[in-house]
Amino acid sequence: MIVGIVLAAGASTRFGSPKQRLLVDEVVARARASKSLDELMVVAGAYEVDAAVRVVPCPSWERGPGASLRCGLEAAAAGADAAVVLLADGPDLAAAAVDRVVAAWRDGAGTVVAASYGGERSHPVVLDRSVWGDVPDEGARALGAVLVSCDDLGAPGDVDVPDDLPARLRRQPT
């Protein structure tokens, strides 16, 4: 069983408002299009988030992305073999990237498998259950990973400020 965990707990200080409220539905829809996820959840922290999947509150979100991820891992079904970590601020996530990193993990690539774009580590990231207890406060990025090229799929994006929003998600003046 593979669980998808969308991290949406941060304070969005650079964005200036709760960006996860604008982006989480897009990321959830793209994750749902994957053929690899048996369960999907969103981890919320600084702000309440409505999502079409289970929302897991994380009271310790201020400790860092690893704390938020640990909240999701703790909420995962007991029978989960691995978790796929997704970021709420990556609205261009390709479902095929989820499938590709999960396939590499299933084929024995490693206990931590991450998508790469242009040779740079990014998301999604698969964490084998055996490493769940190793996630530090700074997050899964601190764990070494086997990289799987997803260059042909396009990067998931990284929305830090309003200008980073894809045009399709920008609010139109009324």
Protein backbone atom coordinates (compact mmCIF):
# COMPACT_ATOMS: atom_id res chain seq x y z
CA MET A 1 0.00 0.00 0.00
CA ILE A 2 1.30 3.44 -0.98
CA VAL A 3 0.13 6.61 0.76
CA GLY A 4 0.44 10.06 -0.77
CA ILE A 5 1.13 12.90 1.67
CA VAL A 6 0.63 16.47 0.47
CA LEU A 7 2.49 18.87 2.75
CA ALA A 8 0.46 22.07 3.18
CA ALA A 9 1.37 23.13 6.71
CA GLY A 10 3.66 26.13 6.24
CA ALA A 11 2.97 29.77 7.09
CA SER A 12 3.37 31.04 3.49
CA THR A 13 5.19 34.13 4.74
CA ARG A 14 6.87 34.93 1.40
CA PHE A 15 3.57 34.50 -0.44
CA GLY A 16 1.74 36.85 1.95
CA SER A 17 -1.41 34.73 2.32
CA PRO A 18 -2.29 31.04 2.70
CA LYS A 19 -1.10 29.83 -0.71
CA GLN A 20 -2.05 26.26 0.15
CA ARG A 21 -5.71 27.27 -0.03
CA LEU A 22 -5.16 28.27 -3.67
CA LEU A 23 -3.02 25.31 -4.65
CA VAL A 24 -3.97 22.20 -2.69
CA ASP A 25 -6.93 21.21 -4.89
CA GLU A 26 -4.71 21.30 -7.98
CA VAL A 27 -2.05 19.12 -6.37
CA VAL A 28 -4.63 16.69 -4.97
CA ALA A 29 -6.28 16.32 -8.40
CA ARG A 30 -2.94 15.63 -10.04
CA ALA A 31 -1.95 13.14 -7.33
CA ARG A 32 -5.30 11.37 -7.72
CA ALA A 33 -4.55 10.94 -11.43
CA SER A 34 -1.59 8.76 -10.46
CA LYS A 35 -2.08 5.02 -10.72
CA SER A 36 0.23 4.38 -7.76
CA LEU A 37 -1.45 5.86 -4.69
CA ASP A 38 -3.82 3.82 -2.53
CA GLU A 39 -4.44 6.59 0.02
CA LEU A 40 -4.03 10.35 -0.15
CA MET A 41 -3.99 12.96 2.60
CA VAL A 42 -3.12 16.61 3.15
CA VAL A 43 -1.16 17.75 6.21
CA ALA A 44 -2.24 21.21 7.44
CA GLY A 45 -0.64 23.38 10.08
CA ALA A 46 -0.51 27.18 10.03
CA TYR A 47 -3.89 27.44 8.29
CA GLU A 48 -6.95 25.28 8.02
CA VAL A 49 -7.21 23.72 4.59
CA ASP A 50 -10.24 22.26 2.86
CA ALA A 51 -9.44 19.40 0.53
CA ALA A 52 -11.31 16.61 -1.21
CA VAL A 53 -9.23 14.13 0.83
CA ARG A 54 -8.53 13.57 4.50
CA VAL A 55 -6.83 16.55 6.15
CA VAL A 56 -4.44 15.75 8.99
CA PRO A 57 -3.72 18.64 11.39
CA CYS A 58 -0.13 19.00 12.52
CA PRO A 59 0.26 21.03 15.71
CA SER A 60 4.06 20.81 15.52
CA TRP A 61 4.30 22.25 11.96
CA GLU A 62 6.49 25.18 13.12
CA ARG A 63 9.36 22.76 13.81
CA GLY A 64 9.85 22.34 10.06
CA PRO A 65 8.75 20.33 7.06
CA GLY A 66 10.00 17.13 8.67
CA ALA A 67 7.63 17.63 11.60
CA SER A 68 4.75 18.05 9.16
CA LEU A 69 5.82 14.98 7.23
CA ARG A 70 6.04 12.96 10.45
CA CYS A 71 2.43 13.96 11.24
CA GLY A 72 1.40 12.51 7.88
CA LEU A 73 3.46 9.38 8.33
CA GLU A 74 1.93 8.81 11.76
CA ALA A 75 -1.56 9.16 10.26
CA ALA A 76 -0.82 6.69 7.44
CA ALA A 77 -2.49 3.30 7.47
CA ALA A 78 -0.62 0.66 9.44
CA GLY A 79 -0.31 -1.44 6.30
CA ALA A 80 1.40 1.24 4.22
CA ASP A 81 4.67 0.10 2.67
CA ALA A 82 5.82 3.53 1.48
CA ALA A 83 4.80 7.18 1.34
CA VAL A 84 5.00 9.57 -1.58
CA VAL A 85 5.76 13.10 -0.41
CA LEU A 86 4.17 15.90 -2.44
CA LEU A 87 4.27 19.64 -1.88
CA ALA A 88 1.14 21.79 -1.93
CA ASP A 89 3.11 24.54 -3.67
CA GLY A 90 3.90 22.35 -6.69
CA PRO A 91 0.78 22.83 -8.84
CA ASP A 92 2.38 21.50 -12.04
CA LEU A 93 2.97 18.02 -10.59
CA ALA A 94 2.74 15.34 -13.25
CA ALA A 95 0.88 12.22 -12.13
CA ALA A 96 3.34 10.27 -14.28
CA ALA A 97 6.19 11.51 -12.04
CA VAL A 98 4.47 9.89 -9.05
CA ASP A 99 4.11 6.66 -11.00
CA ARG A 100 7.73 6.79 -12.18
CA VAL A 101 9.30 7.22 -8.72
CA VAL A 102 7.01 4.59 -7.21
CA ALA A 103 7.94 2.15 -10.01
CA ALA A 104 11.64 2.77 -9.34
CA TRP A 105 11.10 2.15 -5.62
CA ARG A 106 9.17 -1.06 -6.35
CA ASP A 107 12.01 -2.18 -8.63
CA GLY A 108 14.44 -1.84 -5.70
CA ALA A 109 16.12 1.47 -6.59
CA GLY A 110 16.41 2.44 -2.92
CA THR A 111 14.57 3.31 0.27
CA VAL A 112 14.38 7.00 -0.70
CA VAL A 113 13.64 7.75 -4.35
CA ALA A 114 13.17 11.30 -5.65
CA ALA A 115 12.23 12.81 -8.97
CA SER A 116 14.83 15.01 -10.59
CA TYR A 117 14.46 17.74 -13.18
CA GLY A 118 17.55 19.02 -14.95
CA GLY A 119 19.63 16.88 -12.58
CA GLU A 120 18.22 18.65 -9.49
CA ARG A 121 16.42 16.70 -6.77
CA SER A 122 12.78 17.63 -6.38
CA HIS A 123 9.38 16.03 -5.80
CA PRO A 124 7.68 13.66 -5.63
CA VAL A 125 9.78 11.63 -3.19
CA VAL A 126 9.10 8.04 -2.14
CA LEU A 127 10.01 7.04 1.40
CA ASP A 128 10.11 3.34 2.18
CA ARG A 129 8.48 2.62 5.54
CA SER A 130 11.91 1.54 6.85
CA VAL A 131 13.11 5.19 6.81
CA TRP A 132 10.03 6.87 8.27
CA GLY A 133 11.67 7.09 11.69
CA ASP A 134 14.72 8.82 10.18
CA VAL A 135 12.96 12.00 8.98
CA PRO A 136 14.56 15.02 10.71
CA ASP A 137 12.85 18.39 11.27
CA GLU A 138 14.40 19.78 8.08
CA GLY A 139 12.50 17.15 6.12
CA ALA A 140 13.12 14.32 3.68
CA ARG A 141 15.61 16.43 1.74
CA ALA A 142 18.11 15.60 4.49
CA LEU A 143 17.90 11.92 3.52
CA GLY A 144 20.05 10.75 0.64
CA ALA A 145 17.99 9.72 -2.38
CA VAL A 146 18.26 7.79 -5.60
CA LEU A 147 17.26 10.23 -8.35
CA VAL A 148 14.88 9.31 -11.14
CA SER A 149 14.86 11.66 -14.12
CA CYS A 150 11.49 13.21 -14.85
CA ASP A 151 12.82 15.88 -17.20
CA ASP A 152 10.34 14.92 -19.90
CA LEU A 153 7.40 15.50 -17.54
CA GLY A 154 8.20 19.04 -16.46
CA ALA A 155 8.98 20.17 -12.92
CA PRO A 156 6.13 20.37 -10.39
CA GLY A 157 6.75 24.04 -9.73
CA ASP A 158 7.58 25.87 -6.54
CA VAL A 159 5.24 28.71 -5.68
CA ASP A 160 6.93 30.97 -3.14
CA VAL A 161 5.53 34.38 -4.15
CA PRO A 162 2.38 35.38 -6.09
CA ASP A 163 4.38 35.91 -9.30
CA ASP A 164 5.31 32.20 -9.20
CA LEU A 165 1.68 31.17 -9.71
CA PRO A 166 0.96 29.58 -13.08
CA ALA A 167 -1.24 31.88 -15.18
CA ARG A 168 -4.16 29.42 -14.97
CA LEU A 169 -4.27 29.86 -11.19
CA ARG A 170 -3.97 33.63 -10.99
CA ARG A 171 -7.08 35.45 -9.89
CA GLN A 172 -8.69 37.38 -12.63
CA PRO A 173 -9.94 40.90 -11.81
CA THR A 174 -13.71 41.11 -11.49
